[in-house]
Amino acid sequence: MKADKVKINRLLKTAAGQMDGIMKMVEEDRYCIDISNQILAVQSILRKANNEILKSHMEMCVKQAFMEGNEEEKIDEIISLLNKVSK
């Protein structure tokens, strides 16, 4: 992985901490909308981490594959990922 590991780890640790908080909120029977808002916040952080990883992948791995003439595999990877995202 070529992405900024410090940044990615910080985002993932933040998401993990928020998940712990969400589980505590559920145990405490907190208000549903508050729990849902926290879940949306975690999803946003995970989306941001994923975007950073994919951006790095495109800038490094995909670019390198095109320069070396091995773009077919990378194109298939991206198409597969886009199919997952669009579901």
Protein backbone atom coordinates (compact mmCIF):
# COMPACT_ATOMS: atom_id res chain seq x y z
CA MET A 1 0.00 0.00 0.00
CA LYS A 2 1.37 3.37 -1.03
CA ALA A 3 -1.15 5.58 0.79
CA ASP A 4 -0.15 7.74 3.75
CA LYS A 5 -0.21 5.06 6.46
CA VAL A 6 -0.21 7.57 9.32
CA LYS A 7 -3.27 9.33 7.90
CA ILE A 8 -5.09 6.07 7.15
CA ASN A 9 -4.34 4.64 10.60
CA ARG A 10 -5.56 7.85 12.26
CA LEU A 11 -8.83 7.67 10.34
CA LEU A 12 -9.32 3.98 11.12
CA LYS A 13 -8.55 4.46 14.82
CA THR A 14 -11.05 7.31 14.93
CA ALA A 15 -13.68 5.09 13.30
CA ALA A 16 -12.90 2.26 15.74
CA GLY A 17 -13.26 4.64 18.69
CA GLN A 18 -16.57 5.87 17.37
CA MET A 19 -17.73 2.28 16.89
CA ASP A 20 -16.94 1.58 20.54
CA GLY A 21 -19.02 4.62 21.44
CA ILE A 22 -21.90 3.44 19.27
CA MET A 23 -21.91 0.03 20.92
CA LYS A 24 -22.02 1.74 24.32
CA MET A 25 -24.92 3.92 23.12
CA VAL A 26 -26.82 0.80 22.06
CA GLU A 27 -26.18 -0.85 25.44
CA GLU A 28 -27.44 2.28 27.17
CA ASP A 29 -30.61 2.38 25.03
CA ARG A 30 -29.78 5.86 23.75
CA TYR A 31 -32.01 7.73 21.32
CA CYS A 32 -32.16 5.99 17.92
CA ILE A 33 -31.45 9.14 15.89
CA ASP A 34 -28.33 9.86 17.93
CA ILE A 35 -27.08 6.32 17.29
CA SER A 36 -27.88 6.61 13.59
CA ASN A 37 -26.02 9.93 13.36
CA GLN A 38 -22.94 8.31 14.88
CA ILE A 39 -23.16 5.40 12.44
CA LEU A 40 -23.30 7.89 9.56
CA ALA A 41 -20.22 9.63 10.97
CA VAL A 42 -18.30 6.34 11.03
CA GLN A 43 -19.37 5.57 7.47
CA SER A 44 -18.09 8.98 6.41
CA ILE A 45 -14.69 8.37 8.02
CA LEU A 46 -14.40 4.93 6.43
CA ARG A 47 -15.36 6.39 3.05
CA LYS A 48 -12.66 9.04 3.48
CA ALA A 49 -10.04 6.39 4.36
CA ASN A 50 -11.08 4.27 1.38
CA ASN A 51 -10.91 7.28 -0.94
CA GLU A 52 -7.36 8.04 0.24
CA ILE A 53 -6.30 4.44 -0.38
CA LEU A 54 -7.92 4.35 -3.83
CA LYS A 55 -6.46 7.73 -4.80
CA SER A 56 -3.00 6.45 -3.94
CA HIS A 57 -3.65 3.22 -5.84
CA MET A 58 -4.64 5.17 -8.94
CA GLU A 59 -1.69 7.54 -8.69
CA MET A 60 0.88 4.80 -8.13
CA CYS A 61 -0.15 1.26 -9.05
CA VAL A 62 -2.51 2.00 -11.92
CA LYS A 63 -0.23 4.64 -13.39
CA GLN A 64 2.72 2.24 -13.21
CA ALA A 65 0.72 -0.57 -14.83
CA PHE A 66 -0.17 1.71 -17.75
CA MET A 67 3.45 2.76 -18.17
CA GLU A 68 4.51 -0.89 -18.26
CA GLY A 69 1.73 -1.95 -20.62
CA ASN A 70 -0.03 -4.09 -17.98
CA GLU A 71 -3.18 -2.01 -17.74
CA GLU A 72 -5.79 -4.75 -18.39
CA GLU A 73 -5.57 -6.23 -14.88
CA LYS A 74 -5.80 -2.81 -13.24
CA ILE A 75 -8.74 -1.81 -15.41
CA ASP A 76 -10.54 -5.02 -14.38
CA GLU A 77 -9.80 -4.25 -10.70
CA ILE A 78 -11.26 -0.76 -10.99
CA ILE A 79 -14.36 -2.00 -12.82
CA SER A 80 -14.90 -4.67 -10.17
CA LEU A 81 -14.55 -2.08 -7.42
CA LEU A 82 -16.94 0.32 -9.14
CA ASN A 83 -19.48 -2.48 -9.40
CA LYS A 84 -19.22 -3.04 -5.64
CA VAL A 85 -19.56 0.66 -4.88
CA SER A 86 -22.59 1.10 -7.11
CA LYS A 87 -24.62 -1.65 -5.39
